[in-house]
Protein backbone atom coordinates (compact mmCIF):
# COMPACT_ATOMS: atom_id res chain seq x y z
CA MET A 1 4.64 -16.26 6.48
CA SER A 2 2.84 -13.05 5.53
CA ILE A 3 -0.96 -12.92 5.69
CA THR A 4 -1.05 -12.33 1.94
CA LYS A 5 0.99 -15.45 1.18
CA ASP A 6 -0.97 -17.48 3.72
CA ILE A 7 -4.32 -16.54 2.13
CA ILE A 8 -3.03 -17.29 -1.37
CA LYS A 9 -1.69 -20.65 -0.19
CA LYS A 10 -5.05 -21.54 1.40
CA VAL A 11 -6.99 -20.44 -1.70
CA ASP A 12 -4.99 -22.94 -3.73
CA LYS A 13 -6.50 -25.71 -1.61
CA LYS A 14 -10.07 -24.58 -0.96
CA LYS A 15 -12.59 -21.76 -1.09
CA LEU A 16 -12.49 -19.35 1.86
CA HIS A 17 -14.95 -17.26 3.82
CA PHE A 18 -14.23 -13.85 5.33
CA SER A 19 -16.49 -12.15 7.89
CA LEU A 20 -16.94 -8.39 7.57
CA LEU A 21 -17.70 -6.33 10.68
CA ASP A 22 -18.65 -2.65 10.48
CA PRO A 23 -17.69 -0.74 13.67
CA ASP A 24 -20.67 1.55 13.09
CA LYS A 25 -23.17 -1.33 13.20
CA GLN A 26 -22.42 -2.82 16.62
CA ASN A 27 -20.49 -1.99 19.78
CA PRO A 28 -17.03 -3.52 20.34
CA ASN A 29 -18.30 -6.14 22.80
CA THR A 30 -20.83 -7.42 20.28
CA ALA A 31 -18.17 -7.40 17.57
CA GLY A 32 -16.00 -9.56 19.79
CA VAL A 33 -18.81 -12.08 20.29
CA ILE A 34 -19.48 -12.23 16.54
CA ALA A 35 -15.76 -12.69 15.85
CA LYS A 36 -15.58 -15.58 18.33
CA ASN A 37 -18.49 -17.27 16.58
CA ALA A 38 -16.95 -16.62 13.16
CA ASP A 39 -13.69 -18.20 14.29
CA GLU A 40 -15.43 -21.27 15.68
CA ALA A 41 -17.59 -21.57 12.55
CA GLY A 42 -14.56 -21.77 10.26
CA SER A 43 -14.23 -18.29 8.79
CA SER A 44 -10.66 -17.54 7.65
CA ALA A 45 -10.35 -13.83 8.50
CA ILE A 46 -12.21 -10.90 9.99
CA MET A 47 -12.46 -7.77 7.87
CA VAL A 48 -13.17 -4.48 9.69
CA GLY A 49 -14.57 -1.50 7.86
CA GLY A 50 -17.62 0.36 6.63
CA SER A 51 -18.85 3.40 4.78
CA THR A 52 -20.32 5.31 7.75
CA ILE A 53 -17.57 5.06 10.40
CA VAL A 54 -17.08 8.37 12.22
CA SER A 55 -13.85 7.92 14.20
CA GLN A 56 -10.60 5.99 14.43
CA GLN A 57 -11.49 5.18 18.03
CA GLN A 58 -14.46 3.15 16.76
CA VAL A 59 -12.10 1.09 14.64
CA ASP A 60 -9.45 0.70 17.36
CA GLU A 61 -11.92 -0.50 19.97
CA THR A 62 -13.59 -2.90 17.55
CA VAL A 63 -10.28 -4.38 16.40
CA LYS A 64 -9.07 -4.84 19.99
CA ALA A 65 -12.31 -6.59 20.97
CA ILE A 66 -12.02 -8.91 17.97
CA LYS A 67 -8.39 -9.73 18.81
CA ASP A 68 -9.38 -10.50 22.40
CA ASN A 69 -12.00 -13.01 21.26
CA SER A 70 -10.59 -14.57 18.11
CA ASN A 71 -7.38 -16.00 16.70
CA LEU A 72 -8.26 -15.04 13.13
CA PRO A 73 -6.25 -12.37 11.27
CA VAL A 74 -7.92 -8.96 11.39
CA ILE A 75 -7.76 -7.15 8.05
CA LEU A 76 -8.82 -3.52 7.79
CA PHE A 77 -11.24 -2.65 4.98
CA PRO A 78 -10.95 1.14 5.31
CA SER A 79 -12.97 3.90 3.67
CA GLY A 80 -10.16 6.39 4.31
CA ALA A 81 -6.73 6.91 5.85
CA LYS A 82 -8.13 8.25 9.12
CA TYR A 83 -9.83 4.91 9.84
CA LEU A 84 -6.66 2.82 10.03
CA SER A 85 -5.75 1.02 13.24
CA ARG A 86 -2.35 -0.07 14.51
CA TYR A 87 -4.01 -2.96 16.36
CA ALA A 88 -4.96 -4.78 13.14
CA ASP A 89 -2.82 -7.43 11.48
CA ALA A 90 -3.18 -6.18 7.92
CA VAL A 91 -5.01 -3.73 5.69
CA PHE A 92 -6.52 -4.15 2.27
CA PHE A 93 -4.54 -1.44 0.48
CA MET A 94 -7.32 -1.19 -2.06
CA SER A 95 -7.94 1.22 -4.89
CA LEU A 96 -11.62 1.88 -5.63
CA LEU A 97 -10.97 1.86 -9.34
CA ASN A 98 -14.37 2.98 -10.60
CA SER A 99 -14.71 5.97 -8.26
CA ARG A 100 -14.96 9.44 -9.80
CA ASN A 101 -13.08 10.79 -6.78
CA LEU A 102 -9.30 10.40 -6.93
CA ASP A 103 -9.22 10.33 -3.11
CA PHE A 104 -10.58 6.78 -3.24
CA VAL A 105 -8.39 5.77 -6.17
CA ILE A 106 -5.01 6.91 -4.77
CA ARG A 107 -4.96 10.07 -2.61
CA GLU A 108 -6.16 8.41 0.61
CA HIS A 109 -3.49 5.77 0.05
CA VAL A 110 -0.80 8.46 -0.05
CA LYS A 111 -2.09 9.81 3.26
CA GLY A 112 -2.25 6.40 4.90
CA ALA A 113 0.99 4.86 3.63
CA PRO A 114 3.28 6.44 6.29
CA PHE A 115 0.96 5.22 9.06
CA ILE A 116 1.04 1.69 7.66
CA LYS A 117 4.84 1.72 7.51
CA LEU A 118 5.23 3.03 11.07
CA SER A 119 2.58 0.73 12.58
CA GLY A 120 3.95 -2.38 10.91
CA ILE A 121 0.57 -3.70 9.76
CA GLU A 122 0.76 -5.62 6.51
CA PRO A 123 -0.53 -3.92 3.33
CA ILE A 124 -2.41 -6.25 0.97
CA SER A 125 -2.80 -4.69 -2.46
CA MET A 126 -6.22 -5.06 -4.03
CA GLY A 127 -8.19 -3.77 -6.98
CA TYR A 128 -11.73 -2.96 -5.85
CA VAL A 129 -14.80 -2.20 -7.96
CA ILE A 130 -18.44 -1.75 -7.09
CA VAL A 131 -21.21 -3.24 -9.20
CA GLU A 132 -24.81 -1.98 -9.19
CA PRO A 133 -26.79 -1.49 -7.01
CA GLY A 134 -23.72 -0.46 -4.98
CA MET A 135 -25.75 0.65 -1.95
CA THR A 136 -24.07 3.00 0.58
CA ALA A 137 -20.56 2.02 -0.55
CA GLY A 138 -21.35 3.14 -4.06
CA ARG A 139 -22.80 6.46 -2.93
CA LYS A 140 -20.08 7.26 -0.40
CA GLY A 141 -17.38 6.16 -2.83
CA GLU A 142 -18.76 8.39 -5.60
CA VAL A 143 -18.70 5.42 -7.94
CA ASP A 144 -19.64 5.02 -11.58
CA LEU A 145 -21.31 1.68 -10.92
CA ILE A 146 -20.60 -1.23 -13.25
CA LYS A 147 -23.90 -2.41 -14.72
CA ARG A 148 -24.90 -5.92 -13.64
CA ASN A 149 -24.67 -7.17 -17.22
CA ASP A 150 -21.54 -5.23 -18.23
CA ILE A 151 -19.16 -8.18 -18.18
CA ASP A 152 -16.52 -6.58 -20.40
CA THR A 153 -16.00 -3.61 -18.08
CA ALA A 154 -15.68 -5.85 -15.02
CA VAL A 155 -13.12 -8.03 -16.81
CA GLY A 156 -11.23 -4.93 -17.92
CA TYR A 157 -10.92 -3.65 -14.35
CA ALA A 158 -9.82 -7.09 -13.15
CA LEU A 159 -7.12 -7.39 -15.78
CA ALA A 160 -5.95 -3.84 -15.12
CA SER A 161 -5.60 -4.71 -11.42
CA GLN A 162 -3.56 -7.79 -12.27
CA TYR A 163 -1.32 -5.90 -14.68
CA LEU A 164 -0.74 -3.23 -12.03
CA GLY A 165 0.62 -5.98 -9.78
CA MET A 166 -2.20 -6.19 -7.24
CA ASP A 167 -2.58 -9.36 -5.16
CA PHE A 168 -6.38 -9.61 -5.09
CA PHE A 169 -9.44 -8.39 -6.99
CA TYR A 170 -12.73 -7.62 -5.23
CA LEU A 171 -16.18 -7.50 -6.87
CA GLU A 172 -18.65 -5.75 -4.56
CA ALA A 173 -22.42 -5.33 -4.94
CA GLY A 174 -22.60 -3.27 -1.73
CA SER A 175 -23.49 -4.29 1.83
CA GLY A 176 -27.18 -5.08 2.06
CA ALA A 177 -27.62 -5.37 -1.71
CA PRO A 178 -30.83 -7.17 -2.71
CA LYS A 179 -28.83 -9.24 -5.22
CA PRO A 180 -25.15 -10.22 -5.32
CA VAL A 181 -22.87 -9.82 -8.32
CA SER A 182 -24.13 -12.11 -11.10
CA SER A 183 -22.63 -15.57 -11.50
CA LYS A 184 -21.93 -14.81 -15.16
CA MET A 185 -19.81 -11.78 -14.24
CA ILE A 186 -17.94 -13.71 -11.54
CA THR A 187 -17.14 -16.57 -13.91
CA SER A 188 -15.98 -14.26 -16.69
CA VAL A 189 -13.72 -12.29 -14.36
CA LYS A 190 -12.23 -15.42 -12.79
CA ASN A 191 -11.54 -16.97 -16.18
CA ASN A 192 -9.47 -13.94 -17.18
CA ILE A 193 -7.21 -13.41 -14.15
CA ASN A 194 -4.54 -15.32 -12.26
CA MET A 195 -5.11 -13.92 -8.78
CA PRO A 196 -7.66 -14.64 -6.04
CA LEU A 197 -11.13 -13.22 -6.62
CA ILE A 198 -13.10 -11.89 -3.64
CA VAL A 199 -16.86 -11.36 -3.91
CA GLY A 200 -19.12 -9.61 -1.41
CA GLY A 201 -22.47 -7.90 -1.04
CA GLY A 202 -25.95 -9.45 -0.98
CA ILE A 203 -24.79 -12.90 0.15
CA ARG A 204 -27.12 -13.92 2.97
CA ASP A 205 -27.77 -17.65 2.70
CA PRO A 206 -25.99 -20.93 1.91
CA LYS A 207 -27.63 -21.30 -1.51
CA THR A 208 -26.39 -17.90 -2.69
CA ALA A 209 -22.95 -18.45 -1.14
CA LYS A 210 -22.64 -21.76 -2.98
CA GLU A 211 -23.64 -20.16 -6.29
CA ILE A 212 -21.04 -17.41 -5.82
CA SER A 213 -18.37 -19.97 -4.96
CA LYS A 214 -19.22 -22.28 -7.86
CA ALA A 215 -19.19 -19.31 -10.24
CA GLY A 216 -15.53 -18.70 -9.43
CA ALA A 217 -15.16 -16.66 -6.24
CA ASP A 218 -12.13 -17.78 -4.25
CA ILE A 219 -13.20 -15.85 -1.16
CA VAL A 220 -16.82 -15.14 -0.22
CA VAL A 221 -17.55 -12.26 2.17
CA THR A 222 -20.62 -11.88 4.36
CA GLY A 223 -21.29 -8.81 6.46
CA THR A 224 -24.91 -7.70 6.82
CA LYS A 225 -25.92 -11.29 7.61
CA LEU A 226 -23.74 -11.17 10.74
CA GLU A 227 -25.53 -8.05 11.95
CA GLU A 228 -29.01 -9.50 11.40
CA GLU A 229 -28.56 -13.10 12.53
CA LYS A 230 -29.29 -14.17 16.10
CA ASN A 231 -27.43 -17.47 15.82
CA VAL A 232 -24.33 -16.24 14.00
CA LYS A 233 -22.32 -19.41 14.49
CA LYS A 234 -24.92 -21.74 12.97
CA ALA A 235 -25.60 -19.37 10.09
CA LEU A 236 -21.90 -19.15 9.27
CA ILE A 237 -21.35 -22.90 9.59
CA ASP A 238 -24.08 -23.44 6.99
CA ILE A 239 -22.68 -20.77 4.66
CA ILE A 240 -19.09 -21.96 4.96
CA LYS A 241 -20.09 -25.59 4.38
CA ALA A 242 -21.94 -24.52 1.22
CA ILE A 243 -18.90 -22.60 -0.02
CA GLU A 244 -16.55 -25.54 0.52
CA ASP A 245 -18.81 -28.25 -0.93
């Protein structure tokens, strides 16, 4: 079974948690340790990516370390075609729909598509939008941020993604955001689409994770929390339990 189909099948039964690791925020050995803890805590996948990565080697070494320490699927979350890795299991083939720069909407995808075909990693199509404050991802992605209270625009992007045939839709407040995407926006988006909804950015504790899940997120992503937390396994166990309750 493909990773895409497996995730969709699991989402039909329960809410999921994905761990996001940025190769620029820790060395490969540390990434491997975090991945091991994430696996043992009950996370369903490891995403690898970030806005400040400087080389493919960073990504390759991080992915290999994760694979050595975890049995979870490793899904690339790339900021550009040059940060793909043949060692990963899959890649979110995502279009940053509210970017002003066509590179992030489609041109980087054109560059990366041949690599994906040759490497054999699985492409997972995804519509991706960034909501204010957006943080580094919003700045690097040259994004016209969706306002926190602009529900109609968020729903419009979600529906457009579905009508374009994408498998997932991702609402992102930006790594390290002081607040996550609002529950009202999450609920409105989820009520209008028939595909899994992923939500990330600003989710640091079980209470917030539970609110995001209850609002309608099928998959909750935490990233910065993994970089800051000393006891990653316990922190993730608490977050994942809150998501599934």
